[in-house]
Amino acid sequence: MKSLFGKQSLLLPGLLIVLGMSLLALFAPWLAPYDPDVLHLGFILQAPCSAFPLGTDELGRDILSRMLYGARVSLWVGFVAVGISTAIGIILGLLAGYFGGLVDEVIMRGVDVMLCFPSFFLILAVIAFLEPSLNNIMIVIGLTSWMGVARLVRAETLSLRERDFIAAAKVAGAPARRILFVHILPNAMAPVLVSATLGIAGAILVESSLSFLGLGVQPPMASWGNMLMDGKNVLEIAPWLSLYPGLAILVTVLGYNLLGESLRDLLDPRLKRR
């Protein structure tokens, strides 16, 4: 374990950040000093103090409590959205790489069409026609970000389907479903794991951006993005309203990026040889 962290200097800080944020989100109901939606009318725009360690907002709500509950929202969006996109990408990538021909052509042309649109603007366009809600955000992000996973899985499948153990499975009469999900998929998961880790960081950024624009998580539910939106109007007199959510987004995204890059270096055999 020590040699593992020694070779990957970024793995330990990335892992600590991810685990730390996950634990804060998981135990938010027990760690938050106040209900995130309770108004403390006598402490509006209160600077950080002993009673309110991170201060309060323009409605007197405790920033620390809202930050902890906002972590739950951001991480939940990241996990669910990436889960949707990864599932779609794996299935389409397996089908395209294994069967080839017309199936491959149709799926990959669909990938090309999706990649023609800037992902964030595509999400904005879809969200504009839907009711802004947490569920819609997760579904839309998942349905518009599967293309990279599909291409990765397709490339791995194209290589694996020519291996001897796949030929042996075919000779033994194994059905295509078993070959895809028992023999090929486990051997193609390394790049998918890296992509999913980095995808969580991207999903958190997208959700925060949508919430900042008023198209994401709606008040009174706490989200780092809508906390940033609330703080921009009083930035000069209450900078803590924007400072702490911004730092939370920065640290969380950085942690997942560090973890993803470290996993890529560990799981890529070409980088190991190099």
C-alpha atoms as a PDB file:
ATOM      1  CA  MET A   1       0.000   0.000   0.000  1.00  0.00           C
ATOM      2  CA  LYS A   2       2.817   2.377   0.878  1.00  0.00           C
ATOM      3  CA  SER A   3       4.588   1.714  -2.424  1.00  0.00           C
ATOM      4  CA  LEU A   4       1.301   2.249  -4.261  1.00  0.00           C
ATOM      5  CA  PHE A   5       0.856   5.735  -2.824  1.00  0.00           C
ATOM      6  CA  GLY A   6       4.553   6.410  -3.294  1.00  0.00           C
ATOM      7  CA  LYS A   7       4.376   5.748  -7.024  1.00  0.00           C
ATOM      8  CA  GLN A   8       1.174   7.759  -7.394  1.00  0.00           C
ATOM      9  CA  SER A   9       1.700  10.940  -5.415  1.00  0.00           C
ATOM     10  CA  LEU A  10      -1.704  12.296  -6.490  1.00  0.00           C
ATOM     11  CA  LEU A  11      -3.666   9.207  -5.482  1.00  0.00           C
ATOM     12  CA  LEU A  12      -3.625   9.808  -1.730  1.00  0.00           C
ATOM     13  CA  PRO A  13      -4.800  13.465  -1.755  1.00  0.00           C
ATOM     14  CA  GLY A  14      -7.453  12.657  -4.361  1.00  0.00           C
ATOM     15  CA  LEU A  15      -8.690   9.685  -2.358  1.00  0.00           C
ATOM     16  CA  LEU A  16      -8.742  11.675   0.886  1.00  0.00           C
ATOM     17  CA  ILE A  17     -10.729  14.498  -0.698  1.00  0.00           C
ATOM     18  CA  VAL A  18     -13.265  12.119  -2.257  1.00  0.00           C
ATOM     19  CA  LEU A  19     -13.695  10.124   0.949  1.00  0.00           C
ATOM     20  CA  GLY A  20     -13.872  13.268   3.067  1.00  0.00           C
ATOM     21  CA  MET A  21     -16.560  14.901   0.932  1.00  0.00           C
ATOM     22  CA  SER A  22     -18.520  11.651   0.758  1.00  0.00           C
ATOM     23  CA  LEU A  23     -18.489  11.281   4.541  1.00  0.00           C
ATOM     24  CA  LEU A  24     -19.547  14.918   5.049  1.00  0.00           C
ATOM     25  CA  ALA A  25     -22.457  14.408   2.647  1.00  0.00           C
ATOM     26  CA  LEU A  26     -23.435  11.072   4.195  1.00  0.00           C
ATOM     27  CA  PHE A  27     -23.481  12.392   7.753  1.00  0.00           C
ATOM     28  CA  ALA A  28     -24.850  15.856   6.946  1.00  0.00           C
ATOM     29  CA  PRO A  29     -28.027  15.440   9.068  1.00  0.00           C
ATOM     30  CA  TRP A  30     -25.864  14.733  12.129  1.00  0.00           C
ATOM     31  CA  LEU A  31     -23.073  17.233  11.398  1.00  0.00           C
ATOM     32  CA  ALA A  32     -25.217  20.231  10.441  1.00  0.00           C
ATOM     33  CA  PRO A  33     -25.703  22.516  13.474  1.00  0.00           C
ATOM     34  CA  TYR A  34     -29.078  23.803  12.184  1.00  0.00           C
ATOM     35  CA  ASP A  35     -31.823  22.904   9.762  1.00  0.00           C
ATOM     36  CA  PRO A  36     -30.607  24.292   6.405  1.00  0.00           C
ATOM     37  CA  ASP A  37     -33.959  25.990   5.728  1.00  0.00           C
ATOM     38  CA  VAL A  38     -34.533  27.591   9.157  1.00  0.00           C
ATOM     39  CA  LEU A  39     -34.488  31.415   9.111  1.00  0.00           C
ATOM     40  CA  HIS A  40     -32.555  33.153  11.864  1.00  0.00           C
ATOM     41  CA  LEU A  41     -34.068  36.593  11.331  1.00  0.00           C
ATOM     42  CA  GLY A  42     -31.919  38.226  14.002  1.00  0.00           C
ATOM     43  CA  PHE A  43     -28.708  37.148  12.239  1.00  0.00           C
ATOM     44  CA  ILE A  44     -29.207  38.140   8.591  1.00  0.00           C
ATOM     45  CA  LEU A  45     -25.873  38.315   6.732  1.00  0.00           C
ATOM     46  CA  GLN A  46     -24.065  37.445   9.934  1.00  0.00           C
ATOM     47  CA  ALA A  47     -20.303  37.180   9.441  1.00  0.00           C
ATOM     48  CA  PRO A  48     -18.637  33.937  10.562  1.00  0.00           C
ATOM     49  CA  CYS A  49     -18.763  33.656  14.345  1.00  0.00           C
ATOM     50  CA  SER A  50     -18.956  31.021  17.083  1.00  0.00           C
ATOM     51  CA  ALA A  51     -22.711  30.491  16.627  1.00  0.00           C
ATOM     52  CA  PHE A  52     -22.473  30.400  12.815  1.00  0.00           C
ATOM     53  CA  PRO A  53     -18.958  29.197  11.850  1.00  0.00           C
ATOM     54  CA  LEU A  54     -19.430  30.060   8.159  1.00  0.00           C
ATOM     55  CA  GLY A  55     -21.897  32.918   8.637  1.00  0.00           C
ATOM     56  CA  THR A  56     -25.469  33.264   7.407  1.00  0.00           C
ATOM     57  CA  ASP A  57     -27.089  34.330   4.142  1.00  0.00           C
ATOM     58  CA  GLU A  58     -29.524  37.135   3.292  1.00  0.00           C
ATOM     59  CA  LEU A  59     -32.386  35.177   4.848  1.00  0.00           C
ATOM     60  CA  GLY A  60     -30.504  34.252   8.002  1.00  0.00           C
ATOM     61  CA  ARG A  61     -29.926  30.609   7.042  1.00  0.00           C
ATOM     62  CA  ASP A  62     -26.792  28.914   8.354  1.00  0.00           C
ATOM     63  CA  ILE A  63     -24.166  28.567   5.604  1.00  0.00           C
ATOM     64  CA  LEU A  64     -22.413  25.559   7.170  1.00  0.00           C
ATOM     65  CA  SER A  65     -25.646  23.564   7.320  1.00  0.00           C
ATOM     66  CA  ARG A  66     -26.509  24.469   3.737  1.00  0.00           C
ATOM     67  CA  MET A  67     -22.999  23.567   2.601  1.00  0.00           C
ATOM     68  CA  LEU A  68     -23.280  20.095   4.119  1.00  0.00           C
ATOM     69  CA  TYR A  69     -26.689  19.459   2.576  1.00  0.00           C
ATOM     70  CA  GLY A  70     -25.469  20.941  -0.702  1.00  0.00           C
ATOM     71  CA  ALA A  71     -22.706  18.333  -0.739  1.00  0.00           C
ATOM     72  CA  ARG A  72     -25.385  15.624  -0.704  1.00  0.00           C
ATOM     73  CA  VAL A  73     -27.057  17.171  -3.750  1.00  0.00           C
ATOM     74  CA  SER A  74     -23.851  17.624  -5.756  1.00  0.00           C
ATOM     75  CA  LEU A  75     -22.496  14.140  -5.078  1.00  0.00           C
ATOM     76  CA  TRP A  76     -25.881  12.495  -5.669  1.00  0.00           C
ATOM     77  CA  VAL A  77     -26.166  14.235  -9.035  1.00  0.00           C
ATOM     78  CA  GLY A  78     -22.634  13.142  -9.913  1.00  0.00           C
ATOM     79  CA  PHE A  79     -23.158   9.488  -9.021  1.00  0.00           C
ATOM     80  CA  VAL A  80     -26.597   9.086 -10.607  1.00  0.00           C
ATOM     81  CA  ALA A  81     -25.795  11.017 -13.798  1.00  0.00           C
ATOM     82  CA  VAL A  82     -22.550   9.115 -14.322  1.00  0.00           C
ATOM     83  CA  GLY A  83     -24.325   5.843 -13.550  1.00  0.00           C
ATOM     84  CA  ILE A  84     -26.853   6.545 -16.317  1.00  0.00           C
ATOM     85  CA  SER A  85     -24.256   7.654 -18.857  1.00  0.00           C
ATOM     86  CA  THR A  86     -21.921   4.743 -18.041  1.00  0.00           C
ATOM     87  CA  ALA A  87     -24.687   2.153 -18.391  1.00  0.00           C
ATOM     88  CA  ILE A  88     -25.752   3.548 -21.776  1.00  0.00           C
ATOM     89  CA  GLY A  89     -22.163   3.861 -22.993  1.00  0.00           C
ATOM     90  CA  ILE A  90     -21.231   0.326 -21.942  1.00  0.00           C
ATOM     91  CA  ILE A  91     -24.203  -1.293 -23.682  1.00  0.00           C
ATOM     92  CA  LEU A  92     -23.826   0.669 -26.922  1.00  0.00           C
ATOM     93  CA  GLY A  93     -20.046   0.294 -26.951  1.00  0.00           C
ATOM     94  CA  LEU A  94     -20.264  -3.473 -26.476  1.00  0.00           C
ATOM     95  CA  LEU A  95     -22.832  -3.838 -29.246  1.00  0.00           C
ATOM     96  CA  ALA A  96     -20.897  -1.647 -31.673  1.00  0.00           C
ATOM     97  CA  GLY A  97     -17.544  -3.306 -31.045  1.00  0.00           C
ATOM     98  CA  TYR A  98     -18.714  -6.912 -30.972  1.00  0.00           C
ATOM     99  CA  PHE A  99     -21.206  -7.056 -33.832  1.00  0.00           C
ATOM    100  CA  GLY A 100     -19.617  -4.444 -36.102  1.00  0.00           C
ATOM    101  CA  GLY A 101     -21.086  -3.819 -39.538  1.00  0.00           C
ATOM    102  CA  LEU A 102     -24.401  -1.983 -39.668  1.00  0.00           C
ATOM    103  CA  VAL A 103     -24.806  -2.024 -35.870  1.00  0.00           C
ATOM    104  CA  ASP A 104     -21.432  -0.345 -35.419  1.00  0.00           C
ATOM    105  CA  GLU A 105     -22.148   2.164 -38.166  1.00  0.00           C
ATOM    106  CA  VAL A 106     -25.508   3.246 -36.744  1.00  0.00           C
ATOM    107  CA  ILE A 107     -24.256   3.571 -33.173  1.00  0.00           C
ATOM    108  CA  MET A 108     -21.079   5.445 -34.040  1.00  0.00           C
ATOM    109  CA  ARG A 109     -22.895   7.847 -36.361  1.00  0.00           C
ATOM    110  CA  GLY A 110     -25.227   8.536 -33.452  1.00  0.00           C
ATOM    111  CA  VAL A 111     -22.165   9.276 -31.319  1.00  0.00           C
ATOM    112  CA  ASP A 112     -20.859  11.654 -33.983  1.00  0.00           C
ATOM    113  CA  VAL A 113     -24.174  13.500 -34.109  1.00  0.00           C
ATOM    114  CA  MET A 114     -24.267  13.891 -30.324  1.00  0.00           C
ATOM    115  CA  LEU A 115     -20.680  15.146 -30.284  1.00  0.00           C
ATOM    116  CA  CYS A 116     -21.553  17.851 -32.815  1.00  0.00           C
ATOM    117  CA  PHE A 117     -23.423  19.757 -30.113  1.00  0.00           C
ATOM    118  CA  PRO A 118     -21.561  21.396 -27.219  1.00  0.00           C
ATOM    119  CA  SER A 119     -22.676  19.289 -24.270  1.00  0.00           C
ATOM    120  CA  PHE A 120     -23.475  22.131 -21.875  1.00  0.00           C
ATOM    121  CA  PHE A 121     -25.586  24.008 -24.412  1.00  0.00           C
ATOM    122  CA  LEU A 122     -27.372  20.778 -25.315  1.00  0.00           C
ATOM    123  CA  ILE A 123     -28.197  20.270 -21.635  1.00  0.00           C
ATOM    124  CA  LEU A 124     -29.361  23.888 -21.367  1.00  0.00           C
ATOM    125  CA  ALA A 125     -31.637  23.436 -24.382  1.00  0.00           C
ATOM    126  CA  VAL A 126     -33.221  20.291 -22.946  1.00  0.00           C
ATOM    127  CA  ILE A 127     -33.602  21.699 -19.421  1.00  0.00           C
ATOM    128  CA  ALA A 128     -35.283  24.810 -20.839  1.00  0.00           C
ATOM    129  CA  PHE A 129     -38.202  22.644 -22.020  1.00  0.00           C
ATOM    130  CA  LEU A 130     -38.475  20.692 -18.765  1.00  0.00           C
ATOM    131  CA  GLU A 131     -39.397  21.652 -15.246  1.00  0.00           C
ATOM    132  CA  PRO A 132     -36.173  22.416 -13.348  1.00  0.00           C
ATOM    133  CA  SER A 133     -35.778  19.661 -10.770  1.00  0.00           C
ATOM    134  CA  LEU A 134     -33.088  17.442  -9.308  1.00  0.00           C
ATOM    135  CA  ASN A 135     -34.361  14.323 -11.091  1.00  0.00           C
ATOM    136  CA  ASN A 136     -34.521  16.047 -14.477  1.00  0.00           C
ATOM    137  CA  ILE A 137     -30.984  17.361 -14.071  1.00  0.00           C
ATOM    138  CA  MET A 138     -29.578  13.912 -13.312  1.00  0.00           C
ATOM    139  CA  ILE A 139     -31.426  12.271 -16.201  1.00  0.00           C
ATOM    140  CA  VAL A 140     -30.513  14.948 -18.743  1.00  0.00           C
ATOM    141  CA  ILE A 141     -26.827  14.976 -17.772  1.00  0.00           C
ATOM    142  CA  GLY A 142     -26.745  11.179 -17.982  1.00  0.00           C
ATOM    143  CA  LEU A 143     -28.490  11.042 -21.365  1.00  0.00           C
ATOM    144  CA  THR A 144     -26.162  13.624 -22.919  1.00  0.00           C
ATOM    145  CA  SER A 145     -22.770  12.409 -21.679  1.00  0.00           C
ATOM    146  CA  TRP A 146     -22.503   8.720 -22.638  1.00  0.00           C
ATOM    147  CA  MET A 147     -20.563   9.168 -25.891  1.00  0.00           C
ATOM    148  CA  GLY A 148     -17.055   9.020 -24.440  1.00  0.00           C
ATOM    149  CA  VAL A 149     -17.787   5.797 -22.558  1.00  0.00           C
ATOM    150  CA  ALA A 150     -19.281   4.233 -25.677  1.00  0.00           C
ATOM    151  CA  ARG A 151     -16.161   5.003 -27.710  1.00  0.00           C
ATOM    152  CA  LEU A 152     -13.854   3.651 -25.002  1.00  0.00           C
ATOM    153  CA  VAL A 153     -15.816   0.414 -24.618  1.00  0.00           C
ATOM    154  CA  ARG A 154     -16.083  -0.039 -28.386  1.00  0.00           C
ATOM    155  CA  ALA A 155     -12.303   0.306 -28.792  1.00  0.00           C
ATOM    156  CA  GLU A 156     -11.645  -2.218 -26.028  1.00  0.00           C
ATOM    157  CA  THR A 157     -14.240  -4.621 -27.459  1.00  0.00           C
ATOM    158  CA  LEU A 158     -12.733  -4.454 -30.941  1.00  0.00           C
ATOM    159  CA  SER A 159      -9.422  -5.577 -29.454  1.00  0.00           C
ATOM    160  CA  LEU A 160     -10.800  -8.200 -27.069  1.00  0.00           C
ATOM    161  CA  ARG A 161     -13.098  -9.937 -29.554  1.00  0.00           C
ATOM    162  CA  GLU A 162     -10.040 -11.151 -31.488  1.00  0.00           C
ATOM    163  CA  ARG A 163      -8.439 -12.803 -28.454  1.00  0.00           C
ATOM    164  CA  ASP A 164      -8.141 -16.551 -28.098  1.00  0.00           C
ATOM    165  CA  PHE A 165     -10.368 -16.800 -25.012  1.00  0.00           C
ATOM    166  CA  ILE A 166     -13.250 -15.190 -26.940  1.00  0.00           C
ATOM    167  CA  ALA A 167     -12.758 -17.647 -29.799  1.00  0.00           C
ATOM    168  CA  ALA A 168     -12.775 -20.488 -27.261  1.00  0.00           C
ATOM    169  CA  ALA A 169     -16.022 -19.197 -25.752  1.00  0.00           C
ATOM    170  CA  LYS A 170     -17.625 -19.118 -29.208  1.00  0.00           C
ATOM    171  CA  VAL A 171     -16.473 -22.654 -29.966  1.00  0.00           C
ATOM    172  CA  ALA A 172     -17.910 -23.779 -26.627  1.00  0.00           C
ATOM    173  CA  GLY A 173     -21.291 -22.439 -27.745  1.00  0.00           C
ATOM    174  CA  ALA A 174     -21.521 -19.499 -25.335  1.00  0.00           C
ATOM    175  CA  PRO A 175     -24.295 -17.059 -26.360  1.00  0.00           C
ATOM    176  CA  ALA A 176     -23.399 -13.509 -27.363  1.00  0.00           C
ATOM    177  CA  ARG A 177     -24.890 -12.130 -24.147  1.00  0.00           C
ATOM    178  CA  ARG A 178     -22.562 -14.239 -22.020  1.00  0.00           C
ATOM    179  CA  ILE A 179     -19.528 -13.385 -24.132  1.00  0.00           C
ATOM    180  CA  LEU A 180     -20.273  -9.663 -23.887  1.00  0.00           C
ATOM    181  CA  PHE A 181     -21.011  -9.398 -20.181  1.00  0.00           C
ATOM    182  CA  VAL A 182     -18.907 -12.241 -18.721  1.00  0.00           C
ATOM    183  CA  HIS A 183     -15.820 -12.368 -20.944  1.00  0.00           C
ATOM    184  CA  ILE A 184     -15.453  -8.954 -22.604  1.00  0.00           C
ATOM    185  CA  LEU A 185     -16.915  -6.407 -20.170  1.00  0.00           C
ATOM    186  CA  PRO A 186     -14.762  -7.269 -17.105  1.00  0.00           C
ATOM    187  CA  ASN A 187     -11.637  -6.897 -19.248  1.00  0.00           C
ATOM    188  CA  ALA A 188     -12.810  -3.541 -20.640  1.00  0.00           C
ATOM    189  CA  MET A 189     -13.670  -1.886 -17.324  1.00  0.00           C
ATOM    190  CA  ALA A 190     -10.340  -0.167 -16.604  1.00  0.00           C
ATOM    191  CA  PRO A 191     -10.860   2.839 -18.922  1.00  0.00           C
ATOM    192  CA  VAL A 192     -14.552   2.950 -17.968  1.00  0.00           C
ATOM    193  CA  LEU A 193     -13.641   3.294 -14.285  1.00  0.00           C
ATOM    194  CA  VAL A 194     -11.313   6.203 -15.061  1.00  0.00           C
ATOM    195  CA  SER A 195     -13.906   7.859 -17.274  1.00  0.00           C
ATOM    196  CA  ALA A 196     -16.606   7.488 -14.618  1.00  0.00           C
ATOM    197  CA  THR A 197     -14.394   9.041 -11.937  1.00  0.00           C
ATOM    198  CA  LEU A 198     -13.639  12.045 -14.119  1.00  0.00           C
ATOM    199  CA  GLY A 199     -17.286  12.155 -15.202  1.00  0.00           C
ATOM    200  CA  ILE A 200     -18.456  12.706 -11.631  1.00  0.00           C
ATOM    201  CA  ALA A 201     -16.377  15.889 -11.488  1.00  0.00           C
ATOM    202  CA  GLY A 202     -17.892  17.047 -14.766  1.00  0.00           C
ATOM    203  CA  ALA A 203     -21.439  16.300 -13.612  1.00  0.00           C
ATOM    204  CA  ILE A 204     -20.889  18.288 -10.397  1.00  0.00           C
ATOM    205  CA  LEU A 205     -19.687  21.264 -12.443  1.00  0.00           C
ATOM    206  CA  VAL A 206     -22.676  21.031 -14.796  1.00  0.00           C
ATOM    207  CA  GLU A 207     -25.163  20.840 -11.924  1.00  0.00           C
ATOM    208  CA  SER A 208     -23.515  23.798 -10.180  1.00  0.00           C
ATOM    209  CA  SER A 209     -23.601  25.819 -13.390  1.00  0.00           C
ATOM    210  CA  LEU A 210     -27.263  25.035 -14.024  1.00  0.00           C
ATOM    211  CA  SER A 211     -28.194  25.892 -10.438  1.00  0.00           C
ATOM    212  CA  PHE A 212     -26.223  29.146 -10.666  1.00  0.00           C
ATOM    213  CA  LEU A 213     -28.243  30.059 -13.765  1.00  0.00           C
ATOM    214  CA  GLY A 214     -31.513  29.208 -12.015  1.00  0.00           C
ATOM    215  CA  LEU A 215     -32.175  26.132 -14.180  1.00  0.00           C
ATOM    216  CA  GLY A 216     -30.987  23.523 -11.729  1.00  0.00           C
ATOM    217  CA  VAL A 217     -31.851  22.712  -8.127  1.00  0.00           C
ATOM    218  CA  GLN A 218     -34.611  25.063  -7.029  1.00  0.00           C
ATOM    219  CA  PRO A 219     -34.815  26.897  -3.683  1.00  0.00           C
ATOM    220  CA  PRO A 220     -35.223  26.264  -0.846  1.00  0.00           C
ATOM    221  CA  MET A 221     -33.192  23.071  -1.477  1.00  0.00           C
ATOM    222  CA  ALA A 222     -29.532  23.817  -0.839  1.00  0.00           C
ATOM    223  CA  SER A 223     -27.052  23.391  -3.680  1.00  0.00           C
ATOM    224  CA  TRP A 224     -23.568  24.793  -4.064  1.00  0.00           C
ATOM    225  CA  GLY A 225     -24.632  26.322  -7.374  1.00  0.00           C
ATOM    226  CA  ASN A 226     -27.678  28.194  -6.096  1.00  0.00           C
ATOM    227  CA  MET A 227     -25.693  29.294  -3.034  1.00  0.00           C
ATOM    228  CA  LEU A 228     -23.250  30.936  -5.429  1.00  0.00           C
ATOM    229  CA  MET A 229     -26.184  32.598  -7.182  1.00  0.00           C
ATOM    230  CA  ASP A 230     -27.516  33.912  -3.854  1.00  0.00           C
ATOM    231  CA  GLY A 231     -24.109  35.302  -2.932  1.00  0.00           C
ATOM    232  CA  LYS A 232     -23.361  37.220  -6.118  1.00  0.00           C
ATOM    233  CA  ASN A 233     -25.748  40.062  -5.265  1.00  0.00           C
ATOM    234  CA  VAL A 234     -24.096  40.765  -1.900  1.00  0.00           C
ATOM    235  CA  LEU A 235     -20.534  39.877  -2.843  1.00  0.00           C
ATOM    236  CA  GLU A 236     -19.060  43.158  -1.576  1.00  0.00           C
ATOM    237  CA  ILE A 237     -20.671  43.092   1.864  1.00  0.00           C
ATOM    238  CA  ALA A 238     -20.893  39.314   2.448  1.00  0.00           C
ATOM    239  CA  PRO A 239     -18.137  37.567   0.455  1.00  0.00           C
ATOM    240  CA  TRP A 240     -18.460  34.388   2.518  1.00  0.00           C
ATOM    241  CA  LEU A 241     -21.720  33.560   0.728  1.00  0.00           C
ATOM    242  CA  SER A 242     -19.789  32.891  -2.487  1.00  0.00           C
ATOM    243  CA  LEU A 243     -16.397  31.972  -1.063  1.00  0.00           C
ATOM    244  CA  TYR A 244     -17.326  28.734   0.711  1.00  0.00           C
ATOM    245  CA  PRO A 245     -19.516  27.150  -2.024  1.00  0.00           C
ATOM    246  CA  GLY A 246     -16.902  28.088  -4.615  1.00  0.00           C
ATOM    247  CA  LEU A 247     -14.149  26.452  -2.576  1.00  0.00           C
ATOM    248  CA  ALA A 248     -16.297  23.347  -2.062  1.00  0.00           C
ATOM    249  CA  ILE A 249     -16.842  22.960  -5.809  1.00  0.00           C
ATOM    250  CA  LEU A 250     -13.136  23.564  -6.489  1.00  0.00           C
ATOM    251  CA  VAL A 251     -11.898  21.061  -3.913  1.00  0.00           C
ATOM    252  CA  THR A 252     -14.422  18.349  -4.828  1.00  0.00           C
ATOM    253  CA  VAL A 253     -13.796  18.571  -8.576  1.00  0.00           C
ATOM    254  CA  LEU A 254     -10.049  18.667  -7.962  1.00  0.00           C
ATOM    255  CA  GLY A 255     -10.278  15.549  -5.782  1.00  0.00           C
ATOM    256  CA  TYR A 256     -12.125  13.529  -8.420  1.00  0.00           C
ATOM    257  CA  ASN A 257      -9.760  14.720 -11.143  1.00  0.00           C
ATOM    258  CA  LEU A 258      -6.715  13.731  -9.097  1.00  0.00           C
ATOM    259  CA  LEU A 259      -8.248  10.344  -8.348  1.00  0.00           C
ATOM    260  CA  GLY A 260      -9.186   9.769 -11.982  1.00  0.00           C
ATOM    261  CA  GLU A 261      -5.730  10.702 -13.286  1.00  0.00           C
ATOM    262  CA  SER A 262      -4.067   8.434 -10.712  1.00  0.00           C
ATOM    263  CA  LEU A 263      -6.340   5.522 -11.634  1.00  0.00           C
ATOM    264  CA  ARG A 264      -5.557   6.065 -15.292  1.00  0.00           C
ATOM    265  CA  ASP A 265      -1.815   5.869 -14.588  1.00  0.00           C
ATOM    266  CA  LEU A 266      -2.269   2.748 -12.469  1.00  0.00           C
ATOM    267  CA  LEU A 267      -4.593   0.868 -14.821  1.00  0.00           C
ATOM    268  CA  ASP A 268      -2.959   1.708 -18.157  1.00  0.00           C
ATOM    269  CA  PRO A 269      -0.360  -1.006 -18.859  1.00  0.00           C
ATOM    270  CA  ARG A 270       1.407   1.176 -21.424  1.00  0.00           C
ATOM    271  CA  LEU A 271       2.062   3.829 -18.784  1.00  0.00           C
ATOM    272  CA  LYS A 272       3.308   1.123 -16.389  1.00  0.00           C
ATOM    273  CA  ARG A 273       5.872  -0.084 -18.932  1.00  0.00           C
ATOM    274  CA  ARG A 274       6.917   3.486 -19.663  1.00  0.00           C
END
